[in-house]
Amino acid sequence: MSRPKSDPWYRSIAFDLWGTNERLSTAAVMRGLEKEAEKVGRTDSPSESTVRRWREEFRQLSAAQRLDYGLARWPDAMESGALPWEASASLMELLTHALAKGAPPSVRLARWHFHVSLAAPDAPWHERLRVSGYLTALEMIGSISDKDRRAAEGYLAFKPWTEQGAALYGRLVKEGKITDLRIRGIAMTTEMPRDITTAIFDMWIPGLPVSITNLRVPRRNEAGLDEDEAGGSAP
């Protein structure tokens, strides 16, 4: 299988590794990438030359840009400016679960979890994590489309985790007025196993229950569209 010229998934993981430890060698990062690839059944880890190029790209980032990568710890992330002090409570919530599993969350997940917690402070933590993890995963592989933003917005606004909200949310989804975040797919740049979302979450919170990460991952068609956007359905 030929390697993609620039896979944002691998590149993002590499940057997170350097964000945690800038002194990591190319070889060490390649081992880290291979380990993450094994979690999702990938065998197309980037070449040494590609990782070296990414290392140079990371070195060219400004100090502020580097704050987007790495792992979130308290109070370190606040002192460095990666997260505002107001995010302390939501970070502690993530750390409570993440550290019990052996690894702190990423800065990006912590930032999104803070934003989602501000938008829906009454939502159960795992529902907020569903949305924050969804947006983080999309950001990790490239970008968050307007449709993805509206799906997250609708989920938080209509609160389908409540009995009253579930009925209204279901009706609006059926009428096509909002996109159901629970089945909204993540369009990958390469074909990925169906459990990719679980594996992505595992990088931040190892062992996270699959019930929280049950987002499907449709393939892109030849036109580059998600199959649901093209009028089809995921196999």
C-alpha atoms as a PDB file:
ATOM      1  CA  MET A   1       0.000   0.000   0.000  1.00  0.00           C
ATOM      2  CA  SER A   2       1.427   3.380  -0.969  1.00  0.00           C
ATOM      3  CA  ARG A   3       1.836   5.994   1.733  1.00  0.00           C
ATOM      4  CA  PRO A   4      -0.222   9.212   1.545  1.00  0.00           C
ATOM      5  CA  LYS A   5       1.895  12.262   0.778  1.00  0.00           C
ATOM      6  CA  SER A   6       0.661  14.096   3.850  1.00  0.00           C
ATOM      7  CA  ASP A   7      -1.728  12.338   6.209  1.00  0.00           C
ATOM      8  CA  PRO A   8      -3.152  14.849   8.725  1.00  0.00           C
ATOM      9  CA  TRP A   9      -3.928  12.072  11.208  1.00  0.00           C
ATOM     10  CA  TYR A  10      -0.319  10.935  11.464  1.00  0.00           C
ATOM     11  CA  ARG A  11       0.992  14.490  11.298  1.00  0.00           C
ATOM     12  CA  SER A  12      -1.256  15.572  14.147  1.00  0.00           C
ATOM     13  CA  ILE A  13      -0.094  12.698  16.355  1.00  0.00           C
ATOM     14  CA  ALA A  14       3.540  13.507  15.574  1.00  0.00           C
ATOM     15  CA  PHE A  15       2.997  17.152  16.529  1.00  0.00           C
ATOM     16  CA  ASP A  16       1.334  16.080  19.785  1.00  0.00           C
ATOM     17  CA  LEU A  17       4.352  13.933  20.596  1.00  0.00           C
ATOM     18  CA  TRP A  18       6.736  16.826  19.986  1.00  0.00           C
ATOM     19  CA  GLY A  19       4.398  19.142  21.844  1.00  0.00           C
ATOM     20  CA  THR A  20       4.826  16.908  24.870  1.00  0.00           C
ATOM     21  CA  ASN A  21       8.578  16.530  24.412  1.00  0.00           C
ATOM     22  CA  GLU A  22      10.345  18.655  21.794  1.00  0.00           C
ATOM     23  CA  ARG A  23      13.506  16.580  22.157  1.00  0.00           C
ATOM     24  CA  LEU A  24      11.946  13.386  20.842  1.00  0.00           C
ATOM     25  CA  SER A  25      13.975  11.996  17.954  1.00  0.00           C
ATOM     26  CA  THR A  26      12.553  11.132  14.568  1.00  0.00           C
ATOM     27  CA  ALA A  27      12.951   7.455  15.403  1.00  0.00           C
ATOM     28  CA  ALA A  28      11.063   7.838  18.691  1.00  0.00           C
ATOM     29  CA  VAL A  29       8.183   9.620  16.979  1.00  0.00           C
ATOM     30  CA  MET A  30       8.060   6.955  14.257  1.00  0.00           C
ATOM     31  CA  ARG A  31       7.711   4.307  16.969  1.00  0.00           C
ATOM     32  CA  GLY A  32       4.921   6.342  18.513  1.00  0.00           C
ATOM     33  CA  LEU A  33       3.122   6.608  15.184  1.00  0.00           C
ATOM     34  CA  GLU A  34       3.429   2.883  14.584  1.00  0.00           C
ATOM     35  CA  LYS A  35       1.968   2.202  18.017  1.00  0.00           C
ATOM     36  CA  GLU A  36      -1.055   4.414  17.333  1.00  0.00           C
ATOM     37  CA  ALA A  37      -1.465   2.895  13.870  1.00  0.00           C
ATOM     38  CA  GLU A  38      -1.656  -0.585  15.395  1.00  0.00           C
ATOM     39  CA  LYS A  39      -4.654   0.529  17.478  1.00  0.00           C
ATOM     40  CA  VAL A  40      -6.697   1.142  14.338  1.00  0.00           C
ATOM     41  CA  GLY A  41      -5.248  -1.561  12.124  1.00  0.00           C
ATOM     42  CA  ARG A  42      -3.219   0.718   9.885  1.00  0.00           C
ATOM     43  CA  THR A  43       0.012  -0.450   8.277  1.00  0.00           C
ATOM     44  CA  ASP A  44       0.886   2.684   6.328  1.00  0.00           C
ATOM     45  CA  SER A  45       2.983   4.605   8.850  1.00  0.00           C
ATOM     46  CA  PRO A  46       4.835   7.545   7.257  1.00  0.00           C
ATOM     47  CA  SER A  47       8.415   7.220   6.066  1.00  0.00           C
ATOM     48  CA  GLU A  48      11.410   8.597   7.936  1.00  0.00           C
ATOM     49  CA  SER A  49      11.792  11.424   5.420  1.00  0.00           C
ATOM     50  CA  THR A  50       8.160  12.466   5.959  1.00  0.00           C
ATOM     51  CA  VAL A  51       8.545  12.485   9.736  1.00  0.00           C
ATOM     52  CA  ARG A  52      11.760  14.501   9.419  1.00  0.00           C
ATOM     53  CA  ARG A  53       9.904  17.031   7.284  1.00  0.00           C
ATOM     54  CA  TRP A  54       7.141  17.253   9.893  1.00  0.00           C
ATOM     55  CA  ARG A  55       9.760  17.755  12.573  1.00  0.00           C
ATOM     56  CA  GLU A  56      11.099  20.757  10.706  1.00  0.00           C
ATOM     57  CA  GLU A  57       7.573  22.087  10.272  1.00  0.00           C
ATOM     58  CA  PHE A  58       6.973  21.752  14.007  1.00  0.00           C
ATOM     59  CA  ARG A  59      10.196  23.615  14.745  1.00  0.00           C
ATOM     60  CA  GLN A  60       9.007  26.473  12.541  1.00  0.00           C
ATOM     61  CA  LEU A  61       5.861  26.955  14.653  1.00  0.00           C
ATOM     62  CA  SER A  62       5.755  29.924  16.973  1.00  0.00           C
ATOM     63  CA  ALA A  63       5.694  29.364  20.729  1.00  0.00           C
ATOM     64  CA  ALA A  64       1.978  30.224  20.733  1.00  0.00           C
ATOM     65  CA  GLN A  65       1.228  27.728  17.977  1.00  0.00           C
ATOM     66  CA  ARG A  66       3.071  24.952  19.801  1.00  0.00           C
ATOM     67  CA  LEU A  67       0.685  25.354  22.722  1.00  0.00           C
ATOM     68  CA  ASP A  68      -1.985  23.614  20.635  1.00  0.00           C
ATOM     69  CA  TYR A  69      -0.080  20.352  20.860  1.00  0.00           C
ATOM     70  CA  GLY A  70       0.819  18.057  23.696  1.00  0.00           C
ATOM     71  CA  LEU A  71      -0.940  16.855  26.838  1.00  0.00           C
ATOM     72  CA  ALA A  72      -2.958  18.939  29.263  1.00  0.00           C
ATOM     73  CA  ARG A  73      -1.948  18.980  32.934  1.00  0.00           C
ATOM     74  CA  TRP A  74      -2.993  21.295  35.752  1.00  0.00           C
ATOM     75  CA  PRO A  75      -1.705  23.906  36.427  1.00  0.00           C
ATOM     76  CA  ASP A  76       0.942  23.543  33.710  1.00  0.00           C
ATOM     77  CA  ALA A  77      -1.456  24.102  30.794  1.00  0.00           C
ATOM     78  CA  MET A  78      -2.763  27.274  32.425  1.00  0.00           C
ATOM     79  CA  GLU A  79       0.672  28.618  33.310  1.00  0.00           C
ATOM     80  CA  SER A  80       1.886  28.074  29.737  1.00  0.00           C
ATOM     81  CA  GLY A  81      -1.175  29.780  28.287  1.00  0.00           C
ATOM     82  CA  ALA A  82      -2.383  26.662  26.456  1.00  0.00           C
ATOM     83  CA  LEU A  83      -5.641  26.839  28.421  1.00  0.00           C
ATOM     84  CA  PRO A  84      -7.292  29.665  30.370  1.00  0.00           C
ATOM     85  CA  TRP A  85      -7.536  29.321  34.151  1.00  0.00           C
ATOM     86  CA  GLU A  86     -11.321  29.225  33.710  1.00  0.00           C
ATOM     87  CA  ALA A  87     -10.870  25.795  32.104  1.00  0.00           C
ATOM     88  CA  SER A  88      -9.533  24.320  35.349  1.00  0.00           C
ATOM     89  CA  ALA A  89     -12.788  22.659  36.403  1.00  0.00           C
ATOM     90  CA  SER A  90     -13.446  21.011  33.031  1.00  0.00           C
ATOM     91  CA  LEU A  91      -9.815  19.887  32.819  1.00  0.00           C
ATOM     92  CA  MET A  92     -10.023  18.362  36.287  1.00  0.00           C
ATOM     93  CA  GLU A  93     -13.098  16.473  35.159  1.00  0.00           C
ATOM     94  CA  LEU A  94     -11.179  15.022  32.225  1.00  0.00           C
ATOM     95  CA  LEU A  95      -8.132  14.292  34.376  1.00  0.00           C
ATOM     96  CA  THR A  96     -10.259  12.408  36.892  1.00  0.00           C
ATOM     97  CA  HIS A  97     -11.115   9.848  34.235  1.00  0.00           C
ATOM     98  CA  ALA A  98      -7.981  10.077  32.099  1.00  0.00           C
ATOM     99  CA  LEU A  99      -5.368   9.652  34.813  1.00  0.00           C
ATOM    100  CA  ALA A 100      -7.226   6.651  36.186  1.00  0.00           C
ATOM    101  CA  LYS A 101      -6.685   5.101  32.756  1.00  0.00           C
ATOM    102  CA  GLY A 102      -3.020   6.022  32.636  1.00  0.00           C
ATOM    103  CA  ALA A 103      -2.718   9.122  30.436  1.00  0.00           C
ATOM    104  CA  PRO A 104      -3.757  12.814  30.553  1.00  0.00           C
ATOM    105  CA  PRO A 105      -5.942  14.256  27.761  1.00  0.00           C
ATOM    106  CA  SER A 106      -4.617  16.284  24.852  1.00  0.00           C
ATOM    107  CA  VAL A 107      -4.651  20.080  24.975  1.00  0.00           C
ATOM    108  CA  ARG A 108      -7.078  20.150  22.069  1.00  0.00           C
ATOM    109  CA  LEU A 109      -9.532  17.805  23.765  1.00  0.00           C
ATOM    110  CA  ALA A 110      -9.259  19.804  26.994  1.00  0.00           C
ATOM    111  CA  ARG A 111      -9.920  23.049  25.116  1.00  0.00           C
ATOM    112  CA  TRP A 112     -12.975  21.700  23.308  1.00  0.00           C
ATOM    113  CA  HIS A 113     -14.274  20.108  26.496  1.00  0.00           C
ATOM    114  CA  PHE A 114     -14.039  23.515  28.179  1.00  0.00           C
ATOM    115  CA  HIS A 115     -15.947  25.188  25.333  1.00  0.00           C
ATOM    116  CA  VAL A 116     -18.622  22.477  25.290  1.00  0.00           C
ATOM    117  CA  SER A 117     -18.962  22.619  29.081  1.00  0.00           C
ATOM    118  CA  LEU A 118     -19.614  26.360  28.848  1.00  0.00           C
ATOM    119  CA  ALA A 119     -22.300  25.735  26.237  1.00  0.00           C
ATOM    120  CA  ALA A 120     -24.000  22.888  28.115  1.00  0.00           C
ATOM    121  CA  PRO A 121     -22.941  22.973  31.776  1.00  0.00           C
ATOM    122  CA  ASP A 122     -25.891  20.813  32.842  1.00  0.00           C
ATOM    123  CA  ALA A 123     -25.076  17.956  30.450  1.00  0.00           C
ATOM    124  CA  PRO A 124     -23.606  14.727  31.901  1.00  0.00           C
ATOM    125  CA  TRP A 125     -19.829  14.677  31.500  1.00  0.00           C
ATOM    126  CA  HIS A 126     -19.886  11.807  29.011  1.00  0.00           C
ATOM    127  CA  GLU A 127     -22.357  13.672  26.784  1.00  0.00           C
ATOM    128  CA  ARG A 128     -20.089  16.715  26.795  1.00  0.00           C
ATOM    129  CA  LEU A 129     -17.168  14.415  26.065  1.00  0.00           C
ATOM    130  CA  ARG A 130     -19.097  12.952  23.122  1.00  0.00           C
ATOM    131  CA  VAL A 131     -19.278  16.397  21.534  1.00  0.00           C
ATOM    132  CA  SER A 132     -15.835  17.652  22.526  1.00  0.00           C
ATOM    133  CA  GLY A 133     -14.197  14.422  21.410  1.00  0.00           C
ATOM    134  CA  TYR A 134     -16.107  14.520  18.127  1.00  0.00           C
ATOM    135  CA  LEU A 135     -14.923  18.056  17.361  1.00  0.00           C
ATOM    136  CA  THR A 136     -11.382  17.262  18.484  1.00  0.00           C
ATOM    137  CA  ALA A 137     -11.208  14.197  16.241  1.00  0.00           C
ATOM    138  CA  LEU A 138     -12.390  16.241  13.269  1.00  0.00           C
ATOM    139  CA  GLU A 139      -9.887  18.981  14.016  1.00  0.00           C
ATOM    140  CA  MET A 140      -7.197  16.337  14.314  1.00  0.00           C
ATOM    141  CA  ILE A 141      -7.777  14.980  10.822  1.00  0.00           C
ATOM    142  CA  GLY A 142      -8.071  18.301   9.058  1.00  0.00           C
ATOM    143  CA  SER A 143     -11.015  20.595   9.639  1.00  0.00           C
ATOM    144  CA  ILE A 144     -14.493  20.955  11.122  1.00  0.00           C
ATOM    145  CA  SER A 145     -17.095  21.542   8.435  1.00  0.00           C
ATOM    146  CA  ASP A 146     -20.151  23.745   8.874  1.00  0.00           C
ATOM    147  CA  LYS A 147     -22.318  20.626   8.877  1.00  0.00           C
ATOM    148  CA  ASP A 148     -20.263  19.192  11.719  1.00  0.00           C
ATOM    149  CA  ARG A 149     -20.589  22.448  13.671  1.00  0.00           C
ATOM    150  CA  ARG A 150     -24.358  22.474  13.175  1.00  0.00           C
ATOM    151  CA  ALA A 151     -24.556  18.840  14.297  1.00  0.00           C
ATOM    152  CA  ALA A 152     -22.708  19.702  17.523  1.00  0.00           C
ATOM    153  CA  GLU A 153     -24.797  22.840  17.978  1.00  0.00           C
ATOM    154  CA  GLY A 154     -28.068  20.951  17.595  1.00  0.00           C
ATOM    155  CA  TYR A 155     -26.992  18.221  19.999  1.00  0.00           C
ATOM    156  CA  LEU A 156     -26.119  20.703  22.735  1.00  0.00           C
ATOM    157  CA  ALA A 157     -29.139  22.936  22.102  1.00  0.00           C
ATOM    158  CA  PHE A 158     -31.843  20.251  22.191  1.00  0.00           C
ATOM    159  CA  LYS A 159     -30.293  18.029  24.910  1.00  0.00           C
ATOM    160  CA  PRO A 160     -31.264  14.563  23.650  1.00  0.00           C
ATOM    161  CA  TRP A 161     -29.827  13.033  26.831  1.00  0.00           C
ATOM    162  CA  THR A 162     -32.985  14.238  28.629  1.00  0.00           C
ATOM    163  CA  GLU A 163     -36.404  12.611  28.173  1.00  0.00           C
ATOM    164  CA  GLN A 164     -38.028  15.798  26.890  1.00  0.00           C
ATOM    165  CA  GLY A 165     -35.074  16.728  24.736  1.00  0.00           C
ATOM    166  CA  ALA A 166     -34.804  13.262  23.199  1.00  0.00           C
ATOM    167  CA  ALA A 167     -38.333  13.442  21.784  1.00  0.00           C
ATOM    168  CA  LEU A 168     -37.843  16.894  20.244  1.00  0.00           C
ATOM    169  CA  TYR A 169     -34.354  16.073  18.987  1.00  0.00           C
ATOM    170  CA  GLY A 170     -35.613  12.873  17.366  1.00  0.00           C
ATOM    171  CA  ARG A 171     -38.455  14.696  15.649  1.00  0.00           C
ATOM    172  CA  LEU A 172     -36.194  17.430  14.292  1.00  0.00           C
ATOM    173  CA  VAL A 173     -33.704  14.863  13.009  1.00  0.00           C
ATOM    174  CA  LYS A 174     -36.522  12.945  11.314  1.00  0.00           C
ATOM    175  CA  GLU A 175     -37.770  16.164   9.704  1.00  0.00           C
ATOM    176  CA  GLY A 176     -34.265  16.890   8.430  1.00  0.00           C
ATOM    177  CA  LYS A 177     -33.986  20.151  10.348  1.00  0.00           C
ATOM    178  CA  ILE A 178     -30.847  19.094  12.229  1.00  0.00           C
ATOM    179  CA  THR A 179     -28.157  16.455  11.712  1.00  0.00           C
ATOM    180  CA  ASP A 180     -27.983  13.675  14.291  1.00  0.00           C
ATOM    181  CA  LEU A 181     -24.576  13.957  15.940  1.00  0.00           C
ATOM    182  CA  ARG A 182     -24.914  10.389  17.219  1.00  0.00           C
ATOM    183  CA  ILE A 183     -24.605   9.012  13.700  1.00  0.00           C
ATOM    184  CA  ARG A 184     -22.701  11.833  12.036  1.00  0.00           C
ATOM    185  CA  GLY A 185     -19.605  10.382  10.424  1.00  0.00           C
ATOM    186  CA  ILE A 186     -16.034  11.609  10.430  1.00  0.00           C
ATOM    187  CA  ALA A 187     -14.714  11.865   6.864  1.00  0.00           C
ATOM    188  CA  MET A 188     -11.188  10.490   6.912  1.00  0.00           C
ATOM    189  CA  THR A 189      -8.568  11.237   4.286  1.00  0.00           C
ATOM    190  CA  THR A 190      -7.810   7.530   3.972  1.00  0.00           C
ATOM    191  CA  GLU A 191      -9.926   4.439   4.556  1.00  0.00           C
ATOM    192  CA  MET A 192     -10.045   3.678   8.253  1.00  0.00           C
ATOM    193  CA  PRO A 193     -11.554   0.888  10.351  1.00  0.00           C
ATOM    194  CA  ARG A 194     -15.020   1.490  11.755  1.00  0.00           C
ATOM    195  CA  ASP A 195     -13.658   1.759  15.303  1.00  0.00           C
ATOM    196  CA  ILE A 196     -11.349   4.668  14.471  1.00  0.00           C
ATOM    197  CA  THR A 197     -13.215   7.008  16.813  1.00  0.00           C
ATOM    198  CA  THR A 198     -12.679   4.641  19.734  1.00  0.00           C
ATOM    199  CA  ALA A 199      -8.979   4.504  18.900  1.00  0.00           C
ATOM    200  CA  ILE A 200      -8.763   8.297  18.656  1.00  0.00           C
ATOM    201  CA  PHE A 201     -10.361   8.637  22.080  1.00  0.00           C
ATOM    202  CA  ASP A 202      -7.998   5.993  23.428  1.00  0.00           C
ATOM    203  CA  MET A 203      -5.092   8.330  22.747  1.00  0.00           C
ATOM    204  CA  TRP A 204      -6.573  10.735  25.282  1.00  0.00           C
ATOM    205  CA  ILE A 205      -8.486   8.473  27.638  1.00  0.00           C
ATOM    206  CA  PRO A 206      -7.382   4.839  27.264  1.00  0.00           C
ATOM    207  CA  GLY A 207     -10.159   2.360  27.849  1.00  0.00           C
ATOM    208  CA  LEU A 208     -12.978   4.851  27.395  1.00  0.00           C
ATOM    209  CA  PRO A 209     -16.270   2.918  27.037  1.00  0.00           C
ATOM    210  CA  VAL A 210     -17.218   2.327  23.411  1.00  0.00           C
ATOM    211  CA  SER A 211     -20.758   3.495  24.204  1.00  0.00           C
ATOM    212  CA  ILE A 212     -19.393   7.039  24.374  1.00  0.00           C
ATOM    213  CA  THR A 213     -17.617   6.761  21.039  1.00  0.00           C
ATOM    214  CA  ASN A 214     -20.227   5.144  18.823  1.00  0.00           C
ATOM    215  CA  LEU A 215     -19.861   7.552  15.916  1.00  0.00           C
ATOM    216  CA  ARG A 216     -19.731   5.864  12.550  1.00  0.00           C
ATOM    217  CA  VAL A 217     -17.042   6.672  10.022  1.00  0.00           C
ATOM    218  CA  PRO A 218     -18.304   6.681   6.414  1.00  0.00           C
ATOM    219  CA  ARG A 219     -15.948   6.449   3.484  1.00  0.00           C
ATOM    220  CA  ARG A 220     -15.632   9.215   0.968  1.00  0.00           C
ATOM    221  CA  ASN A 221     -16.902   8.601  -2.521  1.00  0.00           C
ATOM    222  CA  GLU A 222     -14.984   9.392  -5.696  1.00  0.00           C
ATOM    223  CA  ALA A 223     -16.264  12.975  -5.618  1.00  0.00           C
ATOM    224  CA  GLY A 224     -14.689  13.438  -2.196  1.00  0.00           C
ATOM    225  CA  LEU A 225     -18.026  13.697  -0.369  1.00  0.00           C
ATOM    226  CA  ASP A 226     -19.216  11.802   2.693  1.00  0.00           C
ATOM    227  CA  GLU A 227     -21.716   9.221   1.523  1.00  0.00           C
ATOM    228  CA  ASP A 228     -24.500  10.803   3.582  1.00  0.00           C
ATOM    229  CA  GLU A 229     -23.813  14.146   1.899  1.00  0.00           C
ATOM    230  CA  ALA A 230     -23.882  12.483  -1.506  1.00  0.00           C
ATOM    231  CA  GLY A 231     -27.271  10.938  -0.780  1.00  0.00           C
ATOM    232  CA  GLY A 232     -26.029   7.454   0.021  1.00  0.00           C
ATOM    233  CA  SER A 233     -25.460   5.552   3.222  1.00  0.00           C
ATOM    234  CA  ALA A 234     -22.423   4.088   4.828  1.00  0.00           C
ATOM    235  CA  PRO A 235     -21.951   0.376   4.247  1.00  0.00           C
END
